[in-house]
């Protein structure tokens, strides 16, 4: 087996490193030229001149003919009674005895 630090191995590694560096530089140059060439066909778009009159309106659908709904207002009797519970009271077997104070 040849020694690791031989001149042949060093020369081969240097040529491999130089080749990889050259390929990387070539890829970078090609990418850069494509980026520069891609921006040549784009043109800036100017904003249109402001007009003195507004644009013509176009029908965009049907508008509701009825007035908008108003929020619900409870009856005075309901306000006096107060809020009713949403659920009925629990059955007696599900109710626990009151907790003792410590």
N, C-alpha and C. Protein backbone atom coordinates (compact mmCIF):
# COMPACT_ATOMS: atom_id res chain seq x y z
N UNK A 1 0.84 -1.17 0.00
CA UNK A 1 0.00 0.00 0.00
C UNK A 1 0.89 1.24 0.00
N UNK A 2 0.53 2.23 -0.78
CA UNK A 2 1.33 3.45 -0.91
C UNK A 2 1.13 4.33 0.32
N UNK A 3 2.15 5.09 0.67
CA UNK A 3 1.99 6.00 1.81
C UNK A 3 0.96 7.09 1.51
N UNK A 4 0.30 7.56 2.56
CA UNK A 4 -0.78 8.53 2.38
C UNK A 4 -0.25 9.86 1.88
N UNK A 5 0.93 10.28 2.30
CA UNK A 5 1.46 11.59 1.95
C UNK A 5 2.33 11.56 0.70
N UNK A 6 2.07 10.68 -0.20
CA UNK A 6 2.90 10.62 -1.40
C UNK A 6 2.58 11.79 -2.32
N UNK A 7 3.52 12.11 -3.21
CA UNK A 7 3.34 13.23 -4.12
C UNK A 7 2.20 12.97 -5.09
N UNK A 8 2.03 11.72 -5.49
CA UNK A 8 0.97 11.39 -6.44
C UNK A 8 -0.40 11.67 -5.83
N UNK A 9 -0.60 11.28 -4.59
CA UNK A 9 -1.88 11.50 -3.92
C UNK A 9 -2.14 12.99 -3.73
N UNK A 10 -1.11 13.72 -3.35
CA UNK A 10 -1.25 15.16 -3.17
C UNK A 10 -1.60 15.84 -4.48
N UNK A 11 -0.92 15.46 -5.56
CA UNK A 11 -1.17 16.05 -6.86
C UNK A 11 -2.59 15.74 -7.32
N UNK A 12 -3.01 14.49 -7.11
CA UNK A 12 -4.37 14.10 -7.52
C UNK A 12 -5.41 14.89 -6.74
N UNK A 13 -5.22 15.05 -5.45
CA UNK A 13 -6.17 15.79 -4.63
C UNK A 13 -6.23 17.27 -5.03
N UNK A 14 -5.07 17.84 -5.34
CA UNK A 14 -5.06 19.24 -5.77
C UNK A 14 -5.77 19.42 -7.10
N UNK A 15 -5.55 18.50 -8.04
CA UNK A 15 -6.25 18.59 -9.33
C UNK A 15 -7.76 18.42 -9.15
N UNK A 16 -8.16 17.52 -8.27
CA UNK A 16 -9.58 17.32 -7.99
C UNK A 16 -10.19 18.57 -7.36
N UNK A 17 -9.48 19.18 -6.42
CA UNK A 17 -9.98 20.40 -5.79
C UNK A 17 -10.08 21.54 -6.79
N UNK A 18 -9.06 21.66 -7.66
CA UNK A 18 -9.08 22.72 -8.66
C UNK A 18 -10.22 22.49 -9.65
N UNK A 19 -10.45 21.25 -10.03
CA UNK A 19 -11.55 20.95 -10.95
C UNK A 19 -12.91 21.27 -10.34
N UNK A 20 -13.09 20.88 -9.09
CA UNK A 20 -14.36 21.19 -8.43
C UNK A 20 -14.55 22.70 -8.27
N UNK A 21 -13.49 23.41 -7.97
CA UNK A 21 -13.58 24.86 -7.87
C UNK A 21 -13.92 25.48 -9.22
N UNK A 22 -13.32 24.97 -10.28
CA UNK A 22 -13.63 25.48 -11.62
C UNK A 22 -15.07 25.20 -12.02
N UNK A 23 -15.56 24.00 -11.72
CA UNK A 23 -16.96 23.67 -12.04
C UNK A 23 -17.90 24.57 -11.26
N UNK A 24 -17.60 24.82 -9.99
CA UNK A 24 -18.44 25.70 -9.19
C UNK A 24 -18.46 27.12 -9.73
N UNK A 25 -17.28 27.61 -10.15
CA UNK A 25 -17.22 28.95 -10.73
C UNK A 25 -17.99 29.01 -12.04
N UNK A 26 -17.91 27.96 -12.85
CA UNK A 26 -18.63 27.91 -14.12
C UNK A 26 -20.14 27.94 -13.89
N UNK A 27 -20.62 27.17 -12.92
CA UNK A 27 -22.05 27.17 -12.61
C UNK A 27 -22.49 28.54 -12.12
N UNK A 28 -21.67 29.19 -11.30
CA UNK A 28 -22.02 30.52 -10.80
C UNK A 28 -22.08 31.53 -11.93
N UNK A 29 -21.15 31.47 -12.87
CA UNK A 29 -21.13 32.40 -13.99
C UNK A 29 -22.35 32.18 -14.88
N UNK A 30 -22.68 30.93 -15.17
CA UNK A 30 -23.85 30.64 -16.01
C UNK A 30 -25.12 31.13 -15.32
N UNK A 31 -25.24 30.90 -14.04
CA UNK A 31 -26.42 31.36 -13.31
C UNK A 31 -26.52 32.88 -13.33
N UNK A 32 -25.41 33.55 -13.14
CA UNK A 32 -25.41 35.00 -13.13
C UNK A 32 -25.81 35.56 -14.49
N UNK A 33 -25.32 34.97 -15.58
CA UNK A 33 -25.68 35.46 -16.90
C UNK A 33 -27.16 35.21 -17.20
N UNK A 34 -27.71 34.10 -16.72
CA UNK A 34 -29.14 33.85 -16.93
C UNK A 34 -29.99 34.83 -16.13
N UNK A 35 -29.55 35.17 -14.94
CA UNK A 35 -30.29 36.14 -14.13
C UNK A 35 -30.27 37.50 -14.81
N UNK A 36 -29.11 37.91 -15.30
CA UNK A 36 -29.01 39.20 -15.97
C UNK A 36 -29.82 39.22 -17.26
N UNK A 37 -29.82 38.12 -18.01
CA UNK A 37 -30.55 38.06 -19.27
C UNK A 37 -32.05 38.00 -19.02
N UNK A 38 -32.48 37.46 -17.91
CA UNK A 38 -33.90 37.36 -17.62
C UNK A 38 -34.55 38.70 -17.36
N UNK A 39 -33.79 39.67 -16.88
CA UNK A 39 -34.35 40.98 -16.57
C UNK A 39 -34.41 41.89 -17.79
N UNK A 40 -33.84 41.52 -18.90
CA UNK A 40 -33.83 42.39 -20.06
C UNK A 40 -35.19 42.48 -20.73
N UNK A 41 -35.99 41.43 -20.66
CA UNK A 41 -37.26 41.45 -21.37
C UNK A 41 -38.40 42.04 -20.54
N UNK A 42 -38.14 42.47 -19.33
CA UNK A 42 -39.17 43.09 -18.50
C UNK A 42 -39.12 44.60 -18.68
N UNK A 43 -40.30 45.20 -18.79
CA UNK A 43 -40.38 46.65 -18.88
C UNK A 43 -41.19 47.17 -17.71
N UNK A 44 -40.84 48.35 -17.26
CA UNK A 44 -41.59 48.96 -16.17
C UNK A 44 -42.94 49.42 -16.69
N UNK A 45 -43.97 49.28 -15.88
CA UNK A 45 -45.30 49.68 -16.28
C UNK A 45 -45.65 50.98 -15.56
N UNK A 46 -45.96 51.99 -16.34
CA UNK A 46 -46.31 53.28 -15.75
C UNK A 46 -47.75 53.27 -15.29
N UNK A 47 -48.05 54.09 -14.30
CA UNK A 47 -49.43 54.18 -13.83
C UNK A 47 -50.23 55.02 -14.81
N UNK A 48 -51.51 54.72 -14.98
CA UNK A 48 -52.32 55.50 -15.92
C UNK A 48 -52.53 56.92 -15.40
N UNK A 49 -52.75 57.84 -16.32
CA UNK A 49 -52.97 59.22 -15.93
C UNK A 49 -54.30 59.35 -15.21
N UNK A 50 -54.37 60.16 -14.17
CA UNK A 50 -55.64 60.31 -13.47
C UNK A 50 -56.65 61.03 -14.35
N UNK A 51 -57.88 60.55 -14.33
CA UNK A 51 -58.92 61.17 -15.15
C UNK A 51 -59.74 62.13 -14.29
N UNK A 52 -60.37 63.09 -14.96
CA UNK A 52 -61.15 64.10 -14.26
C UNK A 52 -62.50 63.54 -13.81
N UNK A 53 -63.01 62.55 -14.52
CA UNK A 53 -64.32 61.99 -14.18
C UNK A 53 -64.14 60.59 -13.61
N UNK A 54 -65.06 60.16 -12.76
CA UNK A 54 -64.95 58.80 -12.24
C UNK A 54 -65.26 57.77 -13.31
N UNK A 55 -64.85 56.56 -13.07
CA UNK A 55 -65.09 55.49 -14.03
C UNK A 55 -66.57 55.15 -14.09
N UNK A 56 -66.97 54.60 -15.22
CA UNK A 56 -68.37 54.23 -15.41
C UNK A 56 -68.68 53.02 -14.54
N UNK A 57 -69.82 53.08 -13.86
CA UNK A 57 -70.19 51.98 -12.98
C UNK A 57 -70.76 50.84 -13.79
N UNK A 58 -70.45 49.64 -13.35
CA UNK A 58 -70.94 48.44 -14.02
C UNK A 58 -71.80 47.67 -13.03
N UNK A 59 -72.90 47.08 -13.51
CA UNK A 59 -73.72 46.31 -12.57
C UNK A 59 -72.95 45.09 -12.08
N UNK A 60 -72.93 44.91 -10.78
CA UNK A 60 -72.17 43.81 -10.21
C UNK A 60 -73.03 42.79 -9.51
N UNK A 61 -74.32 42.84 -9.70
CA UNK A 61 -75.19 41.88 -9.03
C UNK A 61 -76.41 42.59 -8.48
N UNK A 62 -77.22 41.88 -7.77
CA UNK A 62 -78.44 42.47 -7.22
C UNK A 62 -78.18 42.92 -5.80
N UNK A 63 -78.71 44.08 -5.48
CA UNK A 63 -78.62 44.59 -4.13
C UNK A 63 -79.88 44.22 -3.39
N UNK A 64 -79.79 44.01 -2.11
CA UNK A 64 -81.01 43.67 -1.37
C UNK A 64 -81.95 44.87 -1.32
N UNK A 65 -83.22 44.61 -1.56
CA UNK A 65 -84.21 45.70 -1.55
C UNK A 65 -84.80 45.90 -0.17
N UNK A 66 -84.71 44.91 0.68
CA UNK A 66 -85.26 45.06 2.03
C UNK A 66 -84.26 45.79 2.91
N UNK A 67 -84.73 46.47 3.94
CA UNK A 67 -83.75 47.13 4.82
C UNK A 67 -82.92 46.10 5.58
N UNK A 68 -81.80 46.53 6.05
CA UNK A 68 -80.90 45.63 6.77
C UNK A 68 -81.55 45.17 8.06
N UNK A 69 -81.30 43.94 8.50
CA UNK A 69 -81.91 43.46 9.74
C UNK A 69 -81.36 44.22 10.94
N UNK A 70 -82.24 44.44 11.90
CA UNK A 70 -81.85 45.15 13.12
C UNK A 70 -81.61 44.15 14.23
N UNK A 71 -80.85 44.53 15.25
CA UNK A 71 -80.62 43.59 16.36
C UNK A 71 -81.91 43.33 17.13
N UNK A 72 -82.02 42.15 17.68
CA UNK A 72 -83.22 41.76 18.41
C UNK A 72 -83.30 42.52 19.73
N UNK A 73 -84.51 42.94 20.07
CA UNK A 73 -84.74 43.63 21.34
C UNK A 73 -85.72 42.79 22.15
N UNK A 74 -85.35 42.37 23.35
CA UNK A 74 -86.24 41.51 24.13
C UNK A 74 -87.46 42.28 24.65
N UNK A 75 -88.51 41.53 24.93
CA UNK A 75 -89.72 42.13 25.51
C UNK A 75 -89.41 42.63 26.91
N UNK A 76 -90.23 43.55 27.39
CA UNK A 76 -90.02 44.07 28.75
C UNK A 76 -90.28 42.99 29.79
N UNK A 77 -91.23 42.08 29.52
CA UNK A 77 -91.49 41.01 30.49
C UNK A 77 -90.29 40.06 30.58
N UNK A 78 -89.64 39.79 29.47
CA UNK A 78 -88.47 38.92 29.48
C UNK A 78 -87.32 39.57 30.23
N UNK A 79 -87.20 40.87 30.12
CA UNK A 79 -86.13 41.57 30.84
C UNK A 79 -86.39 41.50 32.34
N UNK A 80 -87.66 41.62 32.75
CA UNK A 80 -87.98 41.59 34.18
C UNK A 80 -87.80 40.19 34.76
N UNK A 81 -88.10 39.15 33.99
CA UNK A 81 -87.96 37.78 34.49
C UNK A 81 -86.49 37.37 34.65
N UNK A 82 -85.64 37.90 33.83
CA UNK A 82 -84.23 37.54 33.88
C UNK A 82 -83.95 36.36 32.96
N UNK A 83 -82.69 35.97 32.90
CA UNK A 83 -82.29 34.89 32.01
C UNK A 83 -82.70 33.55 32.59
N UNK A 84 -83.25 32.71 31.75
CA UNK A 84 -83.65 31.37 32.17
C UNK A 84 -82.47 30.42 31.96
N UNK A 85 -82.33 29.39 32.78
CA UNK A 85 -81.22 28.46 32.58
C UNK A 85 -81.38 27.70 31.27
N UNK A 86 -80.26 27.43 30.62
CA UNK A 86 -80.29 26.75 29.34
C UNK A 86 -80.65 25.28 29.50
N UNK A 87 -80.28 24.67 30.63
CA UNK A 87 -80.56 23.26 30.88
C UNK A 87 -81.48 23.12 32.08
N UNK A 88 -82.27 22.06 32.10
CA UNK A 88 -83.11 21.84 33.28
C UNK A 88 -82.24 21.48 34.49
N UNK A 89 -82.77 21.57 35.70
CA UNK A 89 -81.97 21.22 36.87
C UNK A 89 -81.58 19.75 36.85
N UNK A 90 -80.45 19.44 37.46
CA UNK A 90 -79.95 18.07 37.47
C UNK A 90 -80.83 17.19 38.35
N UNK A 91 -80.93 15.89 38.03
CA UNK A 91 -81.71 14.99 38.89
C UNK A 91 -81.08 14.88 40.28
N UNK A 92 -81.89 14.44 41.24
CA UNK A 92 -81.44 14.42 42.64
C UNK A 92 -80.25 13.50 42.86
N UNK A 93 -80.17 12.37 42.13
CA UNK A 93 -79.06 11.45 42.36
C UNK A 93 -77.73 12.00 41.83
N UNK A 94 -77.77 13.02 40.97
CA UNK A 94 -76.53 13.58 40.43
C UNK A 94 -76.05 14.78 41.24
N UNK A 95 -76.84 15.24 42.20
CA UNK A 95 -76.47 16.41 42.97
C UNK A 95 -75.67 15.96 44.19
N UNK A 96 -74.53 16.58 44.43
CA UNK A 96 -73.68 16.22 45.57
C UNK A 96 -74.10 17.01 46.80
N UNK A 97 -73.81 16.49 47.97
CA UNK A 97 -74.13 17.25 49.18
C UNK A 97 -73.25 18.50 49.25
N UNK A 98 -73.67 19.52 49.94
CA UNK A 98 -72.87 20.74 50.02
C UNK A 98 -71.53 20.48 50.68
N UNK A 99 -70.52 21.24 50.30
CA UNK A 99 -69.17 21.06 50.83
C UNK A 99 -69.08 21.68 52.22
N UNK A 100 -68.36 21.03 53.09
CA UNK A 100 -68.18 21.53 54.44
C UNK A 100 -67.07 22.57 54.45
N UNK A 101 -67.26 23.60 55.24
CA UNK A 101 -66.23 24.64 55.35
C UNK A 101 -65.15 24.16 56.31
N UNK A 102 -63.92 24.49 56.02
CA UNK A 102 -62.79 24.08 56.86
C UNK A 102 -62.39 25.17 57.80
